[in-house]
N, C-alpha and C. Protein backbone atom coordinates (compact mmCIF):
# COMPACT_ATOMS: atom_id res chain seq x y z
N MET A 1 -27.02 -43.38 52.70
CA MET A 1 -28.48 -43.95 52.81
C MET A 1 -28.98 -44.36 51.41
N LYS A 2 -29.91 -45.29 51.54
CA LYS A 2 -30.59 -45.82 50.30
C LYS A 2 -32.00 -45.64 50.39
N TRP A 3 -32.54 -45.50 49.20
CA TRP A 3 -34.03 -45.32 49.10
C TRP A 3 -34.66 -46.83 48.96
N TYR A 4 -35.66 -47.16 49.67
CA TYR A 4 -36.26 -48.39 49.64
C TYR A 4 -37.88 -48.22 49.32
N ALA A 5 -38.53 -49.13 48.78
CA ALA A 5 -39.96 -49.02 48.56
C ALA A 5 -40.68 -49.83 49.60
N LEU A 6 -41.61 -49.16 50.30
CA LEU A 6 -42.46 -49.83 51.32
C LEU A 6 -43.90 -50.13 50.74
N TYR A 7 -44.42 -51.29 51.05
CA TYR A 7 -45.68 -51.59 50.70
C TYR A 7 -46.60 -51.27 51.93
N THR A 8 -47.70 -50.57 51.68
CA THR A 8 -48.55 -50.13 52.71
C THR A 8 -50.00 -50.72 52.65
N LYS A 9 -50.73 -50.61 53.62
CA LYS A 9 -52.19 -51.03 53.52
C LYS A 9 -52.79 -50.19 52.50
N PRO A 10 -53.82 -50.64 51.78
CA PRO A 10 -54.44 -49.88 50.72
C PRO A 10 -55.03 -48.49 51.30
N ARG A 11 -54.70 -47.45 50.51
CA ARG A 11 -55.16 -46.06 50.79
C ARG A 11 -54.54 -45.57 52.15
N TRP A 12 -53.37 -46.01 52.56
CA TRP A 12 -52.74 -45.60 53.68
C TRP A 12 -51.41 -44.83 53.37
N GLU A 13 -51.18 -44.56 52.15
CA GLU A 13 -49.87 -44.04 51.66
C GLU A 13 -49.53 -42.67 52.40
N LYS A 14 -50.51 -41.81 52.34
CA LYS A 14 -50.18 -40.43 52.83
C LYS A 14 -50.04 -40.50 54.39
N LYS A 15 -50.92 -41.40 55.05
CA LYS A 15 -50.83 -41.45 56.53
C LYS A 15 -49.48 -41.97 56.88
N VAL A 16 -49.07 -43.13 56.23
CA VAL A 16 -47.82 -43.70 56.58
C VAL A 16 -46.57 -42.69 56.29
N ALA A 17 -46.55 -41.99 55.12
CA ALA A 17 -45.61 -41.06 54.79
C ALA A 17 -45.57 -39.87 55.94
N LYS A 18 -46.71 -39.48 56.43
CA LYS A 18 -46.68 -38.51 57.47
C LYS A 18 -46.21 -39.02 58.72
N ALA A 19 -46.51 -40.18 59.11
CA ALA A 19 -46.13 -40.81 60.37
C ALA A 19 -44.58 -41.08 60.34
N LEU A 20 -44.12 -41.56 59.22
CA LEU A 20 -42.69 -41.88 59.05
C LEU A 20 -41.84 -40.57 59.21
N GLU A 21 -42.36 -39.47 58.57
CA GLU A 21 -41.68 -38.15 58.72
C GLU A 21 -41.62 -37.74 60.20
N GLU A 22 -42.74 -37.97 60.86
CA GLU A 22 -42.75 -37.60 62.38
C GLU A 22 -41.73 -38.32 63.13
N GLU A 23 -41.35 -39.57 62.63
CA GLU A 23 -40.38 -40.45 63.25
C GLU A 23 -39.03 -40.05 62.85
N GLY A 24 -38.78 -39.02 61.94
CA GLY A 24 -37.57 -38.54 61.51
C GLY A 24 -37.03 -39.34 60.36
N ILE A 25 -37.88 -40.11 59.73
CA ILE A 25 -37.42 -40.89 58.40
C ILE A 25 -37.79 -40.09 57.19
N GLU A 26 -36.81 -39.91 56.39
CA GLU A 26 -37.05 -39.22 55.05
C GLU A 26 -37.98 -40.09 54.22
N THR A 27 -39.04 -39.51 53.67
CA THR A 27 -40.03 -40.24 52.88
C THR A 27 -40.31 -39.50 51.56
N TYR A 28 -40.84 -40.31 50.61
CA TYR A 28 -41.38 -39.66 49.33
C TYR A 28 -42.61 -40.35 48.96
N CYS A 29 -43.65 -39.66 48.86
CA CYS A 29 -44.87 -40.35 48.39
C CYS A 29 -45.34 -39.44 47.24
N PRO A 30 -44.98 -39.86 45.99
CA PRO A 30 -45.33 -39.03 44.81
C PRO A 30 -46.82 -38.94 44.68
N GLN A 31 -47.35 -37.74 44.46
CA GLN A 31 -48.78 -37.61 44.23
C GLN A 31 -49.19 -36.89 43.01
N VAL A 32 -50.35 -37.17 42.45
CA VAL A 32 -50.84 -36.45 41.26
C VAL A 32 -52.20 -35.97 41.57
N ALA A 33 -52.51 -34.87 40.86
CA ALA A 33 -53.95 -34.28 41.06
C ALA A 33 -54.89 -34.93 40.17
N GLU A 34 -55.98 -35.37 40.67
CA GLU A 34 -57.04 -35.92 39.85
C GLU A 34 -58.35 -35.22 40.13
N VAL A 35 -59.23 -35.20 39.08
CA VAL A 35 -60.64 -34.61 39.30
C VAL A 35 -61.53 -35.80 39.59
N ARG A 36 -62.15 -35.83 40.73
CA ARG A 36 -63.08 -36.85 41.15
C ARG A 36 -64.50 -36.26 41.03
N GLN A 37 -65.44 -37.10 40.55
CA GLN A 37 -66.78 -36.61 40.43
C GLN A 37 -67.69 -37.47 41.32
N TRP A 38 -68.45 -36.68 42.11
CA TRP A 38 -69.51 -37.26 42.94
C TRP A 38 -70.81 -36.87 42.24
N SER A 39 -71.97 -37.35 42.91
CA SER A 39 -73.24 -36.98 42.26
C SER A 39 -73.61 -35.53 42.18
N ASP A 40 -73.03 -34.84 43.19
CA ASP A 40 -73.42 -33.46 43.30
C ASP A 40 -72.25 -32.39 42.90
N ARG A 41 -71.08 -32.87 42.84
CA ARG A 41 -69.94 -31.92 42.53
C ARG A 41 -68.73 -32.66 42.04
N LYS A 42 -67.84 -31.83 41.51
CA LYS A 42 -66.42 -32.39 41.19
C LYS A 42 -65.54 -31.70 42.08
N LYS A 43 -64.44 -32.47 42.41
CA LYS A 43 -63.37 -32.02 43.30
C LYS A 43 -62.02 -32.52 42.81
N LYS A 44 -61.04 -31.62 42.84
CA LYS A 44 -59.70 -31.90 42.55
C LYS A 44 -59.01 -32.42 43.86
N VAL A 45 -58.51 -33.74 43.72
CA VAL A 45 -57.94 -34.32 44.92
C VAL A 45 -56.46 -34.87 44.55
N SER A 46 -55.71 -34.92 45.58
CA SER A 46 -54.29 -35.41 45.28
C SER A 46 -54.22 -36.90 45.67
N THR A 47 -53.81 -37.69 44.81
CA THR A 47 -53.74 -39.20 45.03
C THR A 47 -52.28 -39.70 44.72
N PRO A 48 -51.94 -40.73 45.52
CA PRO A 48 -50.53 -41.26 45.25
C PRO A 48 -50.44 -41.81 43.83
N LEU A 49 -49.14 -41.57 43.27
CA LEU A 49 -48.84 -42.05 42.03
C LEU A 49 -48.76 -43.56 41.97
N PHE A 50 -48.16 -44.07 43.02
CA PHE A 50 -48.05 -45.64 43.20
C PHE A 50 -49.01 -46.05 44.30
N LYS A 51 -49.97 -46.77 43.95
CA LYS A 51 -50.91 -47.11 44.92
C LYS A 51 -50.21 -48.16 45.88
N SER A 52 -50.40 -47.87 47.20
CA SER A 52 -49.93 -48.76 48.36
C SER A 52 -48.33 -48.70 48.35
N TYR A 53 -47.74 -47.70 47.82
CA TYR A 53 -46.15 -47.67 48.00
C TYR A 53 -45.77 -46.33 48.48
N VAL A 54 -44.80 -46.29 49.38
CA VAL A 54 -44.07 -45.12 49.80
C VAL A 54 -42.63 -45.38 49.82
N PHE A 55 -41.81 -44.38 49.39
CA PHE A 55 -40.45 -44.62 49.26
C PHE A 55 -39.85 -43.98 50.61
N VAL A 56 -38.89 -44.74 51.18
CA VAL A 56 -38.21 -44.22 52.44
C VAL A 56 -36.70 -44.29 52.20
N ARG A 57 -36.02 -43.24 52.60
CA ARG A 57 -34.57 -43.12 52.60
C ARG A 57 -33.99 -43.36 54.08
N ILE A 58 -33.33 -44.58 54.28
CA ILE A 58 -32.98 -44.92 55.51
C ILE A 58 -31.67 -45.81 55.51
N GLU A 59 -30.96 -45.78 56.66
CA GLU A 59 -29.82 -46.65 56.77
C GLU A 59 -30.28 -48.06 56.77
N GLU A 60 -29.45 -49.01 56.22
CA GLU A 60 -29.83 -50.38 56.22
C GLU A 60 -30.05 -50.95 57.61
N LYS A 61 -29.25 -50.49 58.55
CA LYS A 61 -29.29 -51.00 59.99
C LYS A 61 -30.64 -50.52 60.63
N ASP A 62 -31.19 -49.48 60.11
CA ASP A 62 -32.38 -48.90 60.83
C ASP A 62 -33.71 -49.31 60.00
N ARG A 63 -33.60 -50.29 59.17
CA ARG A 63 -34.79 -50.47 58.38
C ARG A 63 -36.03 -51.06 59.13
N ALA A 64 -35.77 -51.73 60.27
CA ALA A 64 -36.87 -52.14 61.04
C ALA A 64 -37.73 -51.11 61.69
N ARG A 65 -37.16 -49.88 61.84
CA ARG A 65 -37.87 -48.78 62.40
C ARG A 65 -39.19 -48.43 61.85
N VAL A 66 -39.32 -48.71 60.50
CA VAL A 66 -40.57 -48.42 59.75
C VAL A 66 -41.77 -49.20 60.24
N PHE A 67 -41.41 -50.27 60.81
CA PHE A 67 -42.63 -51.23 61.19
C PHE A 67 -43.30 -50.73 62.54
N GLU A 68 -42.66 -49.65 63.16
CA GLU A 68 -43.31 -49.06 64.33
C GLU A 68 -44.52 -48.27 63.81
N VAL A 69 -44.62 -47.83 62.60
CA VAL A 69 -45.73 -46.99 62.12
C VAL A 69 -46.84 -47.91 61.62
N PRO A 70 -48.16 -47.57 62.09
CA PRO A 70 -49.21 -48.36 61.66
C PRO A 70 -49.43 -48.13 60.13
N GLY A 71 -49.87 -49.26 59.40
CA GLY A 71 -50.17 -49.16 57.98
C GLY A 71 -49.02 -49.69 57.16
N VAL A 72 -47.84 -49.89 57.66
CA VAL A 72 -46.67 -50.39 56.90
C VAL A 72 -46.77 -51.90 56.92
N VAL A 73 -46.77 -52.52 55.71
CA VAL A 73 -46.94 -54.00 55.58
C VAL A 73 -45.65 -54.60 55.37
N GLN A 74 -44.79 -54.21 54.49
CA GLN A 74 -43.44 -54.85 54.36
C GLN A 74 -42.69 -53.98 53.31
N TYR A 75 -41.47 -54.40 53.21
CA TYR A 75 -40.63 -53.80 52.08
C TYR A 75 -40.94 -54.49 50.74
N LEU A 76 -40.72 -53.77 49.66
CA LEU A 76 -40.80 -54.48 48.41
C LEU A 76 -39.52 -55.23 48.18
N PHE A 77 -39.57 -56.48 47.82
CA PHE A 77 -38.40 -57.31 47.64
C PHE A 77 -38.15 -57.56 46.17
N TRP A 78 -36.87 -57.63 45.85
CA TRP A 78 -36.37 -57.97 44.51
C TRP A 78 -35.19 -59.03 44.65
N LEU A 79 -35.45 -60.19 44.12
CA LEU A 79 -34.47 -61.21 44.18
C LEU A 79 -34.05 -61.65 45.65
N GLY A 80 -35.12 -61.62 46.50
CA GLY A 80 -35.00 -62.01 47.84
C GLY A 80 -34.33 -60.95 48.80
N LYS A 81 -34.14 -59.80 48.34
CA LYS A 81 -33.68 -58.66 49.08
C LYS A 81 -34.47 -57.41 48.93
N PRO A 82 -34.53 -56.58 49.96
CA PRO A 82 -35.37 -55.40 49.87
C PRO A 82 -34.84 -54.51 48.67
N ALA A 83 -35.76 -54.22 47.82
CA ALA A 83 -35.54 -53.44 46.55
C ALA A 83 -34.95 -52.09 46.90
N VAL A 84 -33.72 -51.79 46.35
CA VAL A 84 -33.15 -50.59 46.50
C VAL A 84 -33.49 -49.62 45.32
N VAL A 85 -33.97 -48.51 45.50
CA VAL A 85 -34.41 -47.53 44.44
C VAL A 85 -33.25 -46.49 44.27
N LYS A 86 -32.77 -46.27 43.12
CA LYS A 86 -31.59 -45.36 42.89
C LYS A 86 -32.07 -43.96 43.12
N ASP A 87 -31.17 -43.13 43.59
CA ASP A 87 -31.49 -41.66 43.83
C ASP A 87 -31.94 -41.04 42.50
N GLU A 88 -31.23 -41.48 41.36
CA GLU A 88 -31.57 -40.91 40.14
C GLU A 88 -33.01 -41.17 39.76
N GLU A 89 -33.53 -42.27 40.07
CA GLU A 89 -34.95 -42.66 39.77
C GLU A 89 -35.87 -41.91 40.51
N ILE A 90 -35.58 -41.63 41.83
CA ILE A 90 -36.43 -40.73 42.66
C ILE A 90 -36.43 -39.36 42.05
N ASN A 91 -35.32 -38.88 41.72
CA ASN A 91 -35.08 -37.55 41.10
C ASN A 91 -35.87 -37.41 39.79
N ILE A 92 -35.99 -38.51 39.02
CA ILE A 92 -36.64 -38.45 37.71
C ILE A 92 -38.10 -38.34 38.06
N ILE A 93 -38.65 -39.10 38.93
CA ILE A 93 -40.03 -39.06 39.27
C ILE A 93 -40.46 -37.64 39.75
N ARG A 94 -39.54 -37.04 40.68
CA ARG A 94 -39.79 -35.71 41.21
C ARG A 94 -39.89 -34.57 40.05
N SER A 95 -38.92 -34.74 39.21
CA SER A 95 -38.92 -33.72 38.05
C SER A 95 -40.10 -33.89 37.12
N TRP A 96 -40.39 -35.16 36.86
CA TRP A 96 -41.49 -35.51 35.93
C TRP A 96 -42.71 -34.92 36.49
N LEU A 97 -43.00 -35.21 37.76
CA LEU A 97 -44.21 -34.61 38.37
C LEU A 97 -44.17 -33.11 38.50
N LYS A 98 -43.07 -32.45 38.71
CA LYS A 98 -42.95 -31.09 38.85
C LYS A 98 -43.31 -30.46 37.54
N ASP A 99 -42.69 -30.98 36.44
CA ASP A 99 -42.88 -30.40 35.02
C ASP A 99 -44.30 -30.64 34.53
N GLU A 100 -44.91 -31.65 34.91
CA GLU A 100 -46.30 -32.22 34.42
C GLU A 100 -46.17 -32.36 32.82
N ALA A 101 -44.98 -32.55 32.34
CA ALA A 101 -44.84 -32.67 30.86
C ALA A 101 -44.51 -34.17 30.59
N ILE A 102 -45.24 -34.78 29.81
CA ILE A 102 -45.08 -36.29 29.52
C ILE A 102 -44.26 -36.26 28.14
N GLU A 103 -43.39 -37.18 27.97
CA GLU A 103 -42.67 -37.35 26.74
C GLU A 103 -43.70 -37.58 25.66
N ASP A 104 -43.30 -37.05 24.47
CA ASP A 104 -44.06 -37.30 23.22
C ASP A 104 -44.04 -38.81 22.94
N ILE A 105 -45.23 -39.39 22.77
CA ILE A 105 -45.23 -40.75 22.41
C ILE A 105 -46.35 -40.97 21.44
N GLU A 106 -46.07 -41.64 20.36
CA GLU A 106 -46.99 -41.95 19.35
C GLU A 106 -47.73 -43.30 19.73
N VAL A 107 -48.86 -43.28 20.09
CA VAL A 107 -49.58 -44.37 20.62
C VAL A 107 -50.15 -45.24 19.42
N SER A 108 -50.34 -44.72 18.34
CA SER A 108 -51.10 -45.48 17.29
C SER A 108 -50.41 -46.77 16.91
N HIS A 109 -49.02 -46.81 16.82
CA HIS A 109 -48.37 -48.05 16.29
C HIS A 109 -47.81 -48.94 17.41
N LEU A 110 -48.09 -48.52 18.70
CA LEU A 110 -47.64 -49.34 19.85
C LEU A 110 -48.55 -50.35 20.26
N THR A 111 -48.13 -51.57 20.70
CA THR A 111 -48.99 -52.53 21.13
C THR A 111 -48.47 -53.08 22.60
N PRO A 112 -49.35 -53.57 23.40
CA PRO A 112 -48.97 -54.04 24.69
C PRO A 112 -47.80 -55.06 24.55
N GLY A 113 -46.81 -55.04 25.44
CA GLY A 113 -45.75 -55.96 25.40
C GLY A 113 -44.54 -55.31 24.59
N ASP A 114 -44.65 -54.25 23.90
CA ASP A 114 -43.62 -53.56 23.25
C ASP A 114 -42.69 -53.00 24.25
N ARG A 115 -41.38 -53.00 23.92
CA ARG A 115 -40.47 -52.29 24.76
C ARG A 115 -39.98 -51.08 24.03
N LEU A 116 -39.79 -49.96 24.76
CA LEU A 116 -39.42 -48.76 24.13
C LEU A 116 -38.38 -48.02 24.90
N THR A 117 -37.54 -47.22 24.39
CA THR A 117 -36.59 -46.38 25.05
C THR A 117 -37.08 -44.91 24.74
N ILE A 118 -37.39 -44.27 25.81
CA ILE A 118 -37.87 -42.90 25.76
C ILE A 118 -36.84 -41.91 25.32
N SER A 119 -37.21 -41.20 24.24
CA SER A 119 -36.12 -40.39 23.58
C SER A 119 -35.95 -38.93 23.98
N ASN A 120 -36.92 -38.41 24.80
CA ASN A 120 -36.76 -37.13 25.24
C ASN A 120 -37.47 -36.90 26.49
N GLY A 121 -37.26 -35.82 27.20
CA GLY A 121 -37.98 -35.34 28.45
C GLY A 121 -37.27 -36.00 29.68
N SER A 122 -37.98 -36.05 30.76
CA SER A 122 -37.38 -36.35 32.06
C SER A 122 -36.97 -37.78 32.07
N PHE A 123 -37.61 -38.65 31.30
CA PHE A 123 -37.25 -40.05 31.34
C PHE A 123 -36.38 -40.55 30.21
N LYS A 124 -35.64 -39.53 29.56
CA LYS A 124 -34.89 -39.75 28.40
C LYS A 124 -33.87 -40.82 28.70
N GLY A 125 -33.77 -41.86 27.78
CA GLY A 125 -32.88 -43.02 27.88
C GLY A 125 -33.47 -44.12 28.76
N LYS A 126 -34.53 -43.97 29.38
CA LYS A 126 -35.05 -45.06 30.24
C LYS A 126 -35.84 -45.95 29.35
N GLU A 127 -35.81 -47.27 29.75
CA GLU A 127 -36.55 -48.21 29.00
C GLU A 127 -37.80 -48.63 29.76
N ALA A 128 -38.84 -48.88 29.04
CA ALA A 128 -40.16 -49.23 29.61
C ALA A 128 -40.85 -50.22 28.68
N GLU A 129 -41.78 -50.98 29.32
CA GLU A 129 -42.56 -51.95 28.61
C GLU A 129 -43.95 -51.52 28.67
N ILE A 130 -44.69 -51.50 27.57
CA ILE A 130 -46.11 -51.06 27.53
C ILE A 130 -46.99 -52.23 28.03
N GLN A 131 -47.74 -51.87 29.08
CA GLN A 131 -48.64 -52.93 29.54
C GLN A 131 -49.99 -52.82 28.98
N GLU A 132 -50.51 -51.54 28.83
CA GLU A 132 -51.89 -51.32 28.34
C GLU A 132 -51.86 -49.94 27.70
N ILE A 133 -52.65 -49.83 26.60
CA ILE A 133 -52.84 -48.59 25.89
C ILE A 133 -54.27 -48.22 25.95
N GLY A 134 -54.68 -46.91 26.39
CA GLY A 134 -55.97 -46.39 26.37
C GLY A 134 -55.99 -45.23 25.34
N ASN A 135 -57.07 -44.56 25.43
CA ASN A 135 -57.25 -43.37 24.53
C ASN A 135 -56.32 -42.25 24.81
N LYS A 136 -56.20 -41.94 26.05
CA LYS A 136 -55.19 -40.95 26.45
C LYS A 136 -54.17 -41.34 27.54
N ARG A 137 -54.21 -42.61 27.79
CA ARG A 137 -53.27 -43.09 28.82
C ARG A 137 -52.49 -44.32 28.38
N LEU A 138 -51.35 -44.45 29.01
CA LEU A 138 -50.48 -45.56 28.84
C LEU A 138 -50.27 -46.19 30.13
N LYS A 139 -50.13 -47.50 30.33
CA LYS A 139 -49.54 -48.15 31.49
C LYS A 139 -48.14 -48.60 31.17
N LEU A 140 -47.13 -48.06 31.71
CA LEU A 140 -45.84 -48.49 31.35
C LEU A 140 -45.10 -49.10 32.57
N ILE A 141 -44.39 -50.19 32.31
CA ILE A 141 -43.64 -50.87 33.32
C ILE A 141 -42.23 -50.25 33.37
N LEU A 142 -41.92 -49.62 34.36
CA LEU A 142 -40.44 -49.15 34.44
C LEU A 142 -39.63 -50.21 35.22
N SER A 143 -38.88 -51.04 34.61
CA SER A 143 -38.26 -52.13 35.13
C SER A 143 -37.31 -51.68 36.22
N GLY A 144 -36.60 -50.58 36.09
CA GLY A 144 -35.64 -50.05 37.06
C GLY A 144 -36.26 -49.86 38.43
N LEU A 145 -37.60 -49.47 38.46
CA LEU A 145 -38.23 -49.35 39.72
C LEU A 145 -39.05 -50.52 40.06
N GLY A 146 -39.42 -51.37 39.16
CA GLY A 146 -40.21 -52.46 39.40
C GLY A 146 -41.67 -52.15 39.73
N VAL A 147 -42.17 -51.06 38.97
CA VAL A 147 -43.51 -50.57 39.19
C VAL A 147 -44.14 -50.30 37.89
N ILE A 148 -45.42 -50.08 37.96
CA ILE A 148 -46.35 -49.80 36.75
C ILE A 148 -46.68 -48.30 36.91
N VAL A 149 -46.46 -47.48 35.82
CA VAL A 149 -46.84 -46.11 35.87
C VAL A 149 -47.96 -45.80 34.93
N ASN A 150 -49.01 -45.26 35.39
CA ASN A 150 -50.13 -44.86 34.54
C ASN A 150 -49.87 -43.51 34.09
N VAL A 151 -49.65 -43.31 32.71
CA VAL A 151 -49.21 -41.97 32.17
C VAL A 151 -50.28 -41.42 31.30
N LYS A 152 -50.62 -40.12 31.58
CA LYS A 152 -51.54 -39.46 30.75
C LYS A 152 -50.83 -38.82 29.60
N VAL A 153 -51.07 -39.21 28.33
CA VAL A 153 -50.35 -38.57 27.21
C VAL A 153 -51.07 -37.34 26.81
N SER A 154 -50.23 -36.25 26.79
CA SER A 154 -50.86 -35.05 26.34
C SER A 154 -50.53 -34.54 24.99
N GLU A 155 -49.41 -35.11 24.46
CA GLU A 155 -49.07 -34.70 23.05
C GLU A 155 -48.55 -36.09 22.34
N VAL A 156 -48.58 -35.94 21.03
CA VAL A 156 -48.25 -37.15 20.29
C VAL A 156 -47.12 -36.75 19.32
N LEU A 157 -46.18 -37.65 19.26
CA LEU A 157 -44.97 -37.47 18.38
C LEU A 157 -45.44 -37.58 16.93
N LYS A 158 -44.72 -37.00 16.08
CA LYS A 158 -44.97 -37.20 14.68
C LYS A 158 -44.27 -38.38 14.19
């Protein structure tokens, strides 16, 4: 079985993942905890790491089954075929989110468009392209997944 990336309606990621699991399809919807502030309170909420995407592990012959679930729009395509996500990449995302440790990155000398190879941590050896640099966040393009990851940098390399 292979992992595929599904595109969902906006803000339907959790609903789609739950419905697919009820249909007996293995899913992965990576989530991160964020603190949201309203006018009267702050609340810690769990939000999808990849907006409008859910990963499904399914046999190629059964790929059409996902469209029985409300909120599924289409598969993510790469070069005219449904994009296959490697097991290794799913495992990296899982371990990265479990550890909550971000690779040490020195932000001061980096500029958008730079390509880098991550030298340690869960993404060791992975190549990424910097899309945007903020005070405490980086937007990295992981070409292997074909997605953009918004990373909170907690430590800085020397």
